[in-house]
Amino acid sequence: MPRSNEPRRPVGRPPLTSRKQILAAARGLIDEYGWEKLTIRRLSAEIGVAPTTLYSHVRAKDDLLFLLIHEYAEQIPHPEMPSEPRERIITAGVAIHDGLAAWPWAAEVLTTDGFIARLGDSFLSLVEAVLAGVVDAGCTPEQSVQIFRSIWYYTVGEILVRTHTRHREMDERDPAGLNAYFGNTDSPARLPHLAAIADRWGALAGQDTFAQGLRAFVDGLLAQALETSGTPKTSDAEPN
């Protein structure tokens, strides 16, 4: 006799489970509980099928997560790419950031090694735009990988820090609390610059400066790479 909490189905007919249904249910569980608590067992209970049924679609939780990310990455808007290499790098970098910032748990999953091989052409075209921009700026293909990796670390780090900060956001209307964050009552003597800005730290730290920081970061990375390779900087090159 079936348990009362099991879904009722016609006798002799197996449950119909599609990949679309699995991914939709997984997204719902992640939105409600977080990706860390997503398990095949919990997902199978949510859909109303045995775990073995899900294993015919996905091999493990990691596969399920990457399927979700792949599906989401296909929906990230792709801006028109500028012809100027530096601007192309920045435009692609901002598109990657903004796409993942809308689904921050994906950025955390993608910190695992080998993620690029698991993503689809839509997301990879943004990676390609960064690599092409670096090469067109005068760097080597090897340097393009190094620069992309640095941009990726900056992007994911910014998303994760901002997301985690929102969960324990300090009240910027409570200067005493912010001053306590930087130390006790003798902070002005020990940490004068932090103490001077403590009452505005929350508002300033909450500003979205990713694009501004990315521009400065890309300029520095390109300058360093070109100096290493002996290629003249764009601004130093002969005019066309």
C-alpha atoms as a PDB file:
ATOM      1  CA  MET A   1       0.000   0.000   0.000  1.00  0.00           C
ATOM      2  CA  PRO A   2       1.558   3.323  -1.025  1.00  0.00           C
ATOM      3  CA  ARG A   3       2.454   5.873   1.631  1.00  0.00           C
ATOM      4  CA  SER A   4       0.058   8.797   1.967  1.00  0.00           C
ATOM      5  CA  ASN A   5       2.743  11.371   1.087  1.00  0.00           C
ATOM      6  CA  GLU A   6       3.629   9.761  -2.249  1.00  0.00           C
ATOM      7  CA  PRO A   7       2.135  11.152  -5.460  1.00  0.00           C
ATOM      8  CA  ARG A   8      -0.737   9.127  -6.898  1.00  0.00           C
ATOM      9  CA  ARG A   9      -0.173   7.654 -10.343  1.00  0.00           C
ATOM     10  CA  PRO A  10      -2.061   5.230 -12.547  1.00  0.00           C
ATOM     11  CA  VAL A  11      -1.058   1.664 -11.740  1.00  0.00           C
ATOM     12  CA  GLY A  12       1.439   0.158 -14.158  1.00  0.00           C
ATOM     13  CA  ARG A  13       2.510   3.490 -15.695  1.00  0.00           C
ATOM     14  CA  PRO A  14       5.940   4.874 -14.794  1.00  0.00           C
ATOM     15  CA  PRO A  15       6.195   8.593 -13.978  1.00  0.00           C
ATOM     16  CA  LEU A  16       7.010  10.807 -16.900  1.00  0.00           C
ATOM     17  CA  THR A  17      10.193  12.744 -16.144  1.00  0.00           C
ATOM     18  CA  SER A  18      11.830  15.023 -18.675  1.00  0.00           C
ATOM     19  CA  ARG A  19      15.068  16.959 -18.396  1.00  0.00           C
ATOM     20  CA  LYS A  20      13.038  20.174 -18.546  1.00  0.00           C
ATOM     21  CA  GLN A  21      10.958  19.042 -15.567  1.00  0.00           C
ATOM     22  CA  ILE A  22      14.079  18.052 -13.621  1.00  0.00           C
ATOM     23  CA  LEU A  23      15.811  21.381 -14.207  1.00  0.00           C
ATOM     24  CA  ALA A  24      12.705  23.380 -13.315  1.00  0.00           C
ATOM     25  CA  ALA A  25      12.338  21.491 -10.036  1.00  0.00           C
ATOM     26  CA  ALA A  26      16.052  21.884  -9.267  1.00  0.00           C
ATOM     27  CA  ARG A  27      15.855  25.645  -9.859  1.00  0.00           C
ATOM     28  CA  GLY A  28      12.944  25.850  -7.438  1.00  0.00           C
ATOM     29  CA  LEU A  29      14.847  23.986  -4.732  1.00  0.00           C
ATOM     30  CA  ILE A  30      17.946  26.130  -5.189  1.00  0.00           C
ATOM     31  CA  ASP A  31      15.904  29.327  -4.973  1.00  0.00           C
ATOM     32  CA  GLU A  32      14.285  28.087  -1.765  1.00  0.00           C
ATOM     33  CA  TYR A  33      17.125  26.299   0.036  1.00  0.00           C
ATOM     34  CA  GLY A  34      20.375  27.195  -1.755  1.00  0.00           C
ATOM     35  CA  TRP A  35      22.492  25.090  -4.121  1.00  0.00           C
ATOM     36  CA  GLU A  36      24.497  23.497  -1.304  1.00  0.00           C
ATOM     37  CA  LYS A  37      21.403  21.694  -0.009  1.00  0.00           C
ATOM     38  CA  LEU A  38      20.333  20.393  -3.397  1.00  0.00           C
ATOM     39  CA  THR A  39      20.613  16.598  -3.502  1.00  0.00           C
ATOM     40  CA  ILE A  40      19.405  13.955  -5.913  1.00  0.00           C
ATOM     41  CA  ARG A  41      17.300  12.434  -3.134  1.00  0.00           C
ATOM     42  CA  ARG A  42      15.620  15.744  -2.302  1.00  0.00           C
ATOM     43  CA  LEU A  43      15.037  16.469  -5.979  1.00  0.00           C
ATOM     44  CA  SER A  44      13.537  13.047  -6.608  1.00  0.00           C
ATOM     45  CA  ALA A  45      11.145  13.564  -3.676  1.00  0.00           C
ATOM     46  CA  GLU A  46      10.186  16.974  -5.052  1.00  0.00           C
ATOM     47  CA  ILE A  47       9.340  15.500  -8.457  1.00  0.00           C
ATOM     48  CA  GLY A  48       7.826  12.327  -7.028  1.00  0.00           C
ATOM     49  CA  VAL A  49      10.084   9.710  -8.587  1.00  0.00           C
ATOM     50  CA  ALA A  50      12.731   7.306  -7.374  1.00  0.00           C
ATOM     51  CA  PRO A  51      16.354   8.555  -7.314  1.00  0.00           C
ATOM     52  CA  THR A  52      17.255   5.858  -9.844  1.00  0.00           C
ATOM     53  CA  THR A  53      14.931   7.557 -12.340  1.00  0.00           C
ATOM     54  CA  LEU A  54      16.900  10.798 -12.057  1.00  0.00           C
ATOM     55  CA  TYR A  55      20.191   8.972 -12.480  1.00  0.00           C
ATOM     56  CA  SER A  56      19.078   8.054 -15.986  1.00  0.00           C
ATOM     57  CA  HIS A  57      19.176  11.799 -16.780  1.00  0.00           C
ATOM     58  CA  VAL A  58      22.047  13.062 -14.597  1.00  0.00           C
ATOM     59  CA  ARG A  59      25.004  11.166 -13.183  1.00  0.00           C
ATOM     60  CA  ALA A  60      25.476  13.260 -10.053  1.00  0.00           C
ATOM     61  CA  LYS A  61      24.686  16.570  -8.401  1.00  0.00           C
ATOM     62  CA  ASP A  62      27.613  18.267 -10.171  1.00  0.00           C
ATOM     63  CA  ASP A  63      26.203  17.259 -13.551  1.00  0.00           C
ATOM     64  CA  LEU A  64      22.835  18.677 -12.561  1.00  0.00           C
ATOM     65  CA  LEU A  65      24.385  21.983 -11.511  1.00  0.00           C
ATOM     66  CA  PHE A  66      26.289  22.342 -14.749  1.00  0.00           C
ATOM     67  CA  LEU A  67      23.164  21.539 -16.766  1.00  0.00           C
ATOM     68  CA  LEU A  68      21.408  24.360 -14.936  1.00  0.00           C
ATOM     69  CA  ILE A  69      24.290  26.753 -15.535  1.00  0.00           C
ATOM     70  CA  HIS A  70      24.481  25.743 -19.195  1.00  0.00           C
ATOM     71  CA  GLU A  71      20.767  26.450 -19.600  1.00  0.00           C
ATOM     72  CA  TYR A  72      21.065  29.791 -17.825  1.00  0.00           C
ATOM     73  CA  ALA A  73      24.184  30.838 -19.745  1.00  0.00           C
ATOM     74  CA  GLU A  74      22.279  30.441 -22.998  1.00  0.00           C
ATOM     75  CA  GLN A  75      19.961  33.225 -21.826  1.00  0.00           C
ATOM     76  CA  ILE A  76      22.660  35.795 -20.935  1.00  0.00           C
ATOM     77  CA  PRO A  77      22.258  38.847 -23.207  1.00  0.00           C
ATOM     78  CA  HIS A  78      25.141  39.454 -25.602  1.00  0.00           C
ATOM     79  CA  PRO A  79      25.899  43.123 -26.258  1.00  0.00           C
ATOM     80  CA  GLU A  80      27.309  44.320 -29.554  1.00  0.00           C
ATOM     81  CA  MET A  81      31.071  44.059 -29.354  1.00  0.00           C
ATOM     82  CA  PRO A  82      33.156  47.207 -30.011  1.00  0.00           C
ATOM     83  CA  SER A  83      35.929  47.020 -32.589  1.00  0.00           C
ATOM     84  CA  GLU A  84      38.539  48.511 -30.244  1.00  0.00           C
ATOM     85  CA  PRO A  85      40.270  45.597 -28.411  1.00  0.00           C
ATOM     86  CA  ARG A  86      40.294  47.116 -24.917  1.00  0.00           C
ATOM     87  CA  GLU A  87      36.624  48.069 -25.081  1.00  0.00           C
ATOM     88  CA  ARG A  88      35.777  44.605 -26.401  1.00  0.00           C
ATOM     89  CA  ILE A  89      37.453  43.000 -23.390  1.00  0.00           C
ATOM     90  CA  ILE A  90      35.607  45.269 -20.983  1.00  0.00           C
ATOM     91  CA  THR A  91      32.237  44.848 -22.702  1.00  0.00           C
ATOM     92  CA  ALA A  92      32.515  41.059 -22.649  1.00  0.00           C
ATOM     93  CA  GLY A  93      33.728  41.123 -19.041  1.00  0.00           C
ATOM     94  CA  VAL A  94      30.788  43.249 -17.910  1.00  0.00           C
ATOM     95  CA  ALA A  95      28.359  40.941 -19.753  1.00  0.00           C
ATOM     96  CA  ILE A  96      29.814  37.897 -17.973  1.00  0.00           C
ATOM     97  CA  HIS A  97      29.629  39.688 -14.626  1.00  0.00           C
ATOM     98  CA  ASP A  98      26.085  40.956 -15.034  1.00  0.00           C
ATOM     99  CA  GLY A  99      24.853  37.575 -16.247  1.00  0.00           C
ATOM    100  CA  LEU A 100      26.293  35.683 -13.297  1.00  0.00           C
ATOM    101  CA  ALA A 101      25.389  38.387 -10.762  1.00  0.00           C
ATOM    102  CA  ALA A 102      21.735  37.690 -11.516  1.00  0.00           C
ATOM    103  CA  TRP A 103      22.300  34.076 -10.398  1.00  0.00           C
ATOM    104  CA  PRO A 104      25.215  34.328  -7.925  1.00  0.00           C
ATOM    105  CA  TRP A 105      25.225  30.675  -6.865  1.00  0.00           C
ATOM    106  CA  ALA A 106      26.328  29.822 -10.406  1.00  0.00           C
ATOM    107  CA  ALA A 107      29.467  31.918  -9.934  1.00  0.00           C
ATOM    108  CA  GLU A 108      30.311  29.913  -6.829  1.00  0.00           C
ATOM    109  CA  VAL A 109      29.832  26.593  -8.616  1.00  0.00           C
ATOM    110  CA  LEU A 110      31.993  27.810 -11.486  1.00  0.00           C
ATOM    111  CA  THR A 111      34.969  28.319  -9.185  1.00  0.00           C
ATOM    112  CA  THR A 112      35.686  24.615  -9.624  1.00  0.00           C
ATOM    113  CA  ASP A 113      38.407  23.696 -12.093  1.00  0.00           C
ATOM    114  CA  GLY A 114      37.509  22.800 -15.651  1.00  0.00           C
ATOM    115  CA  PHE A 115      34.273  24.762 -15.790  1.00  0.00           C
ATOM    116  CA  ILE A 116      34.912  26.197 -19.262  1.00  0.00           C
ATOM    117  CA  ALA A 117      34.776  22.765 -20.892  1.00  0.00           C
ATOM    118  CA  ARG A 118      31.299  22.272 -19.442  1.00  0.00           C
ATOM    119  CA  LEU A 119      29.706  25.489 -20.710  1.00  0.00           C
ATOM    120  CA  GLY A 120      27.917  26.032 -23.995  1.00  0.00           C
ATOM    121  CA  ASP A 121      28.793  28.128 -27.020  1.00  0.00           C
ATOM    122  CA  SER A 122      26.727  31.110 -25.865  1.00  0.00           C
ATOM    123  CA  PHE A 123      28.855  31.694 -22.766  1.00  0.00           C
ATOM    124  CA  LEU A 124      32.051  30.629 -24.505  1.00  0.00           C
ATOM    125  CA  SER A 125      31.531  33.318 -27.132  1.00  0.00           C
ATOM    126  CA  LEU A 126      31.978  35.906 -24.369  1.00  0.00           C
ATOM    127  CA  VAL A 127      35.184  34.182 -23.276  1.00  0.00           C
ATOM    128  CA  GLU A 128      36.271  34.178 -26.926  1.00  0.00           C
ATOM    129  CA  ALA A 129      35.624  37.931 -27.134  1.00  0.00           C
ATOM    130  CA  VAL A 130      37.948  38.534 -24.184  1.00  0.00           C
ATOM    131  CA  LEU A 131      40.705  36.319 -25.602  1.00  0.00           C
ATOM    132  CA  ALA A 132      40.402  37.873 -29.070  1.00  0.00           C
ATOM    133  CA  GLY A 133      40.488  41.374 -27.624  1.00  0.00           C
ATOM    134  CA  VAL A 134      43.674  40.606 -25.701  1.00  0.00           C
ATOM    135  CA  VAL A 135      45.379  39.122 -28.774  1.00  0.00           C
ATOM    136  CA  ASP A 136      44.230  42.028 -30.957  1.00  0.00           C
ATOM    137  CA  ALA A 137      45.738  44.388 -28.389  1.00  0.00           C
ATOM    138  CA  GLY A 138      49.133  42.866 -29.180  1.00  0.00           C
ATOM    139  CA  CYS A 139      49.444  40.084 -26.601  1.00  0.00           C
ATOM    140  CA  THR A 140      50.202  36.426 -27.207  1.00  0.00           C
ATOM    141  CA  PRO A 141      47.561  33.677 -26.973  1.00  0.00           C
ATOM    142  CA  GLU A 142      49.270  32.461 -23.810  1.00  0.00           C
ATOM    143  CA  GLN A 143      48.959  35.916 -22.289  1.00  0.00           C
ATOM    144  CA  SER A 144      45.299  36.054 -23.294  1.00  0.00           C
ATOM    145  CA  VAL A 145      44.611  33.004 -21.109  1.00  0.00           C
ATOM    146  CA  GLN A 146      46.445  34.556 -18.170  1.00  0.00           C
ATOM    147  CA  ILE A 147      44.587  37.835 -18.540  1.00  0.00           C
ATOM    148  CA  PHE A 148      41.220  36.121 -18.846  1.00  0.00           C
ATOM    149  CA  ARG A 149      41.959  34.078 -15.734  1.00  0.00           C
ATOM    150  CA  SER A 150      42.766  37.261 -13.792  1.00  0.00           C
ATOM    151  CA  ILE A 151      39.572  38.931 -15.040  1.00  0.00           C
ATOM    152  CA  TRP A 152      37.609  35.820 -14.101  1.00  0.00           C
ATOM    153  CA  TYR A 153      38.995  35.792 -10.557  1.00  0.00           C
ATOM    154  CA  TYR A 154      38.154  39.476 -10.149  1.00  0.00           C
ATOM    155  CA  THR A 155      34.643  38.945 -11.536  1.00  0.00           C
ATOM    156  CA  VAL A 156      33.724  35.917  -9.438  1.00  0.00           C
ATOM    157  CA  GLY A 157      35.292  37.423  -6.317  1.00  0.00           C
ATOM    158  CA  GLU A 158      33.291  40.629  -6.687  1.00  0.00           C
ATOM    159  CA  ILE A 159      30.042  38.715  -7.163  1.00  0.00           C
ATOM    160  CA  LEU A 160      30.585  36.413  -4.198  1.00  0.00           C
ATOM    161  CA  VAL A 161      31.716  39.144  -1.809  1.00  0.00           C
ATOM    162  CA  ARG A 162      28.761  41.361  -2.747  1.00  0.00           C
ATOM    163  CA  THR A 163      26.302  38.461  -2.444  1.00  0.00           C
ATOM    164  CA  HIS A 164      27.600  37.300   0.930  1.00  0.00           C
ATOM    165  CA  THR A 165      27.701  40.875   2.207  1.00  0.00           C
ATOM    166  CA  ARG A 166      24.012  41.318   1.427  1.00  0.00           C
ATOM    167  CA  HIS A 167      23.243  38.410   3.759  1.00  0.00           C
ATOM    168  CA  ARG A 168      24.857  40.163   6.711  1.00  0.00           C
ATOM    169  CA  GLU A 169      24.500  43.752   5.637  1.00  0.00           C
ATOM    170  CA  MET A 170      25.568  46.313   8.218  1.00  0.00           C
ATOM    171  CA  ASP A 171      23.133  49.149   8.895  1.00  0.00           C
ATOM    172  CA  GLU A 172      24.823  52.279   7.574  1.00  0.00           C
ATOM    173  CA  ARG A 173      22.440  54.365   9.676  1.00  0.00           C
ATOM    174  CA  ASP A 174      24.152  53.030  12.811  1.00  0.00           C
ATOM    175  CA  PRO A 175      27.536  54.788  13.002  1.00  0.00           C
ATOM    176  CA  ALA A 176      28.241  53.195  16.379  1.00  0.00           C
ATOM    177  CA  GLY A 177      27.885  49.766  14.853  1.00  0.00           C
ATOM    178  CA  LEU A 178      30.221  50.640  11.983  1.00  0.00           C
ATOM    179  CA  ASN A 179      32.769  52.121  14.344  1.00  0.00           C
ATOM    180  CA  ALA A 180      32.578  48.947  16.398  1.00  0.00           C
ATOM    181  CA  TYR A 181      33.310  47.024  13.228  1.00  0.00           C
ATOM    182  CA  PHE A 182      36.618  48.837  12.911  1.00  0.00           C
ATOM    183  CA  GLY A 183      37.561  48.521  16.558  1.00  0.00           C
ATOM    184  CA  ASN A 184      36.832  49.922  19.994  1.00  0.00           C
ATOM    185  CA  THR A 185      36.753  53.472  21.282  1.00  0.00           C
ATOM    186  CA  ASP A 186      40.450  54.068  20.693  1.00  0.00           C
ATOM    187  CA  SER A 187      40.127  53.414  16.955  1.00  0.00           C
ATOM    188  CA  PRO A 188      40.772  57.064  15.966  1.00  0.00           C
ATOM    189  CA  ALA A 189      44.212  56.835  17.553  1.00  0.00           C
ATOM    190  CA  ARG A 190      45.067  53.408  16.171  1.00  0.00           C
ATOM    191  CA  LEU A 191      43.175  53.494  12.848  1.00  0.00           C
ATOM    192  CA  PRO A 192      42.583  57.167  12.046  1.00  0.00           C
ATOM    193  CA  HIS A 193      41.668  56.742   8.379  1.00  0.00           C
ATOM    194  CA  LEU A 194      39.223  53.906   9.019  1.00  0.00           C
ATOM    195  CA  ALA A 195      37.661  55.751  11.936  1.00  0.00           C
ATOM    196  CA  ALA A 196      37.234  58.906   9.832  1.00  0.00           C
ATOM    197  CA  ILE A 197      35.254  57.083   7.144  1.00  0.00           C
ATOM    198  CA  ALA A 198      33.465  54.528   9.350  1.00  0.00           C
ATOM    199  CA  ASP A 199      30.072  56.250   9.303  1.00  0.00           C
ATOM    200  CA  ARG A 200      30.077  56.258   5.487  1.00  0.00           C
ATOM    201  CA  TRP A 201      31.743  52.893   4.899  1.00  0.00           C
ATOM    202  CA  GLY A 202      28.507  50.995   4.298  1.00  0.00           C
ATOM    203  CA  ALA A 203      27.232  53.419   1.666  1.00  0.00           C
ATOM    204  CA  LEU A 204      30.592  53.659  -0.093  1.00  0.00           C
ATOM    205  CA  ALA A 205      31.272  49.919  -0.023  1.00  0.00           C
ATOM    206  CA  GLY A 206      27.803  49.255  -1.429  1.00  0.00           C
ATOM    207  CA  GLN A 207      28.410  51.226  -4.620  1.00  0.00           C
ATOM    208  CA  ASP A 208      28.642  49.265  -7.857  1.00  0.00           C
ATOM    209  CA  THR A 209      32.162  49.997  -9.099  1.00  0.00           C
ATOM    210  CA  PHE A 210      32.748  46.763 -11.020  1.00  0.00           C
ATOM    211  CA  ALA A 211      32.980  48.309 -14.511  1.00  0.00           C
ATOM    212  CA  GLN A 212      35.224  51.099 -13.269  1.00  0.00           C
ATOM    213  CA  GLY A 213      37.502  48.620 -11.536  1.00  0.00           C
ATOM    214  CA  LEU A 214      37.521  46.323 -14.563  1.00  0.00           C
ATOM    215  CA  ARG A 215      38.727  49.147 -16.817  1.00  0.00           C
ATOM    216  CA  ALA A 216      41.634  49.914 -14.518  1.00  0.00           C
ATOM    217  CA  PHE A 217      42.378  46.207 -14.108  1.00  0.00           C
ATOM    218  CA  VAL A 218      42.385  45.547 -17.862  1.00  0.00           C
ATOM    219  CA  ASP A 219      44.613  48.569 -18.497  1.00  0.00           C
ATOM    220  CA  GLY A 220      47.127  47.282 -15.979  1.00  0.00           C
ATOM    221  CA  LEU A 221      47.037  43.694 -17.240  1.00  0.00           C
ATOM    222  CA  LEU A 222      47.512  44.746 -20.871  1.00  0.00           C
ATOM    223  CA  ALA A 223      50.315  47.169 -20.024  1.00  0.00           C
ATOM    224  CA  GLN A 224      52.147  44.517 -18.034  1.00  0.00           C
ATOM    225  CA  ALA A 225      51.702  41.861 -20.744  1.00  0.00           C
ATOM    226  CA  LEU A 226      52.832  44.182 -23.547  1.00  0.00           C
ATOM    227  CA  GLU A 227      55.848  45.272 -21.548  1.00  0.00           C
ATOM    228  CA  THR A 228      56.798  41.657 -20.934  1.00  0.00           C
ATOM    229  CA  SER A 229      56.434  40.742 -24.603  1.00  0.00           C
ATOM    230  CA  GLY A 230      58.216  43.886 -25.807  1.00  0.00           C
ATOM    231  CA  THR A 231      55.197  45.042 -27.818  1.00  0.00           C
ATOM    232  CA  PRO A 232      54.667  48.826 -27.791  1.00  0.00           C
ATOM    233  CA  LYS A 233      51.541  50.025 -26.026  1.00  0.00           C
ATOM    234  CA  THR A 234      48.667  51.172 -28.200  1.00  0.00           C
ATOM    235  CA  SER A 235      49.215  54.760 -27.102  1.00  0.00           C
ATOM    236  CA  ASP A 236      52.935  54.493 -27.935  1.00  0.00           C
ATOM    237  CA  ALA A 237      52.498  52.839 -31.329  1.00  0.00           C
ATOM    238  CA  GLU A 238      52.881  54.717 -34.583  1.00  0.00           C
ATOM    239  CA  PRO A 239      49.605  56.220 -35.834  1.00  0.00           C
ATOM    240  CA  ASN A 240      47.979  54.463 -38.770  1.00  0.00           C
END
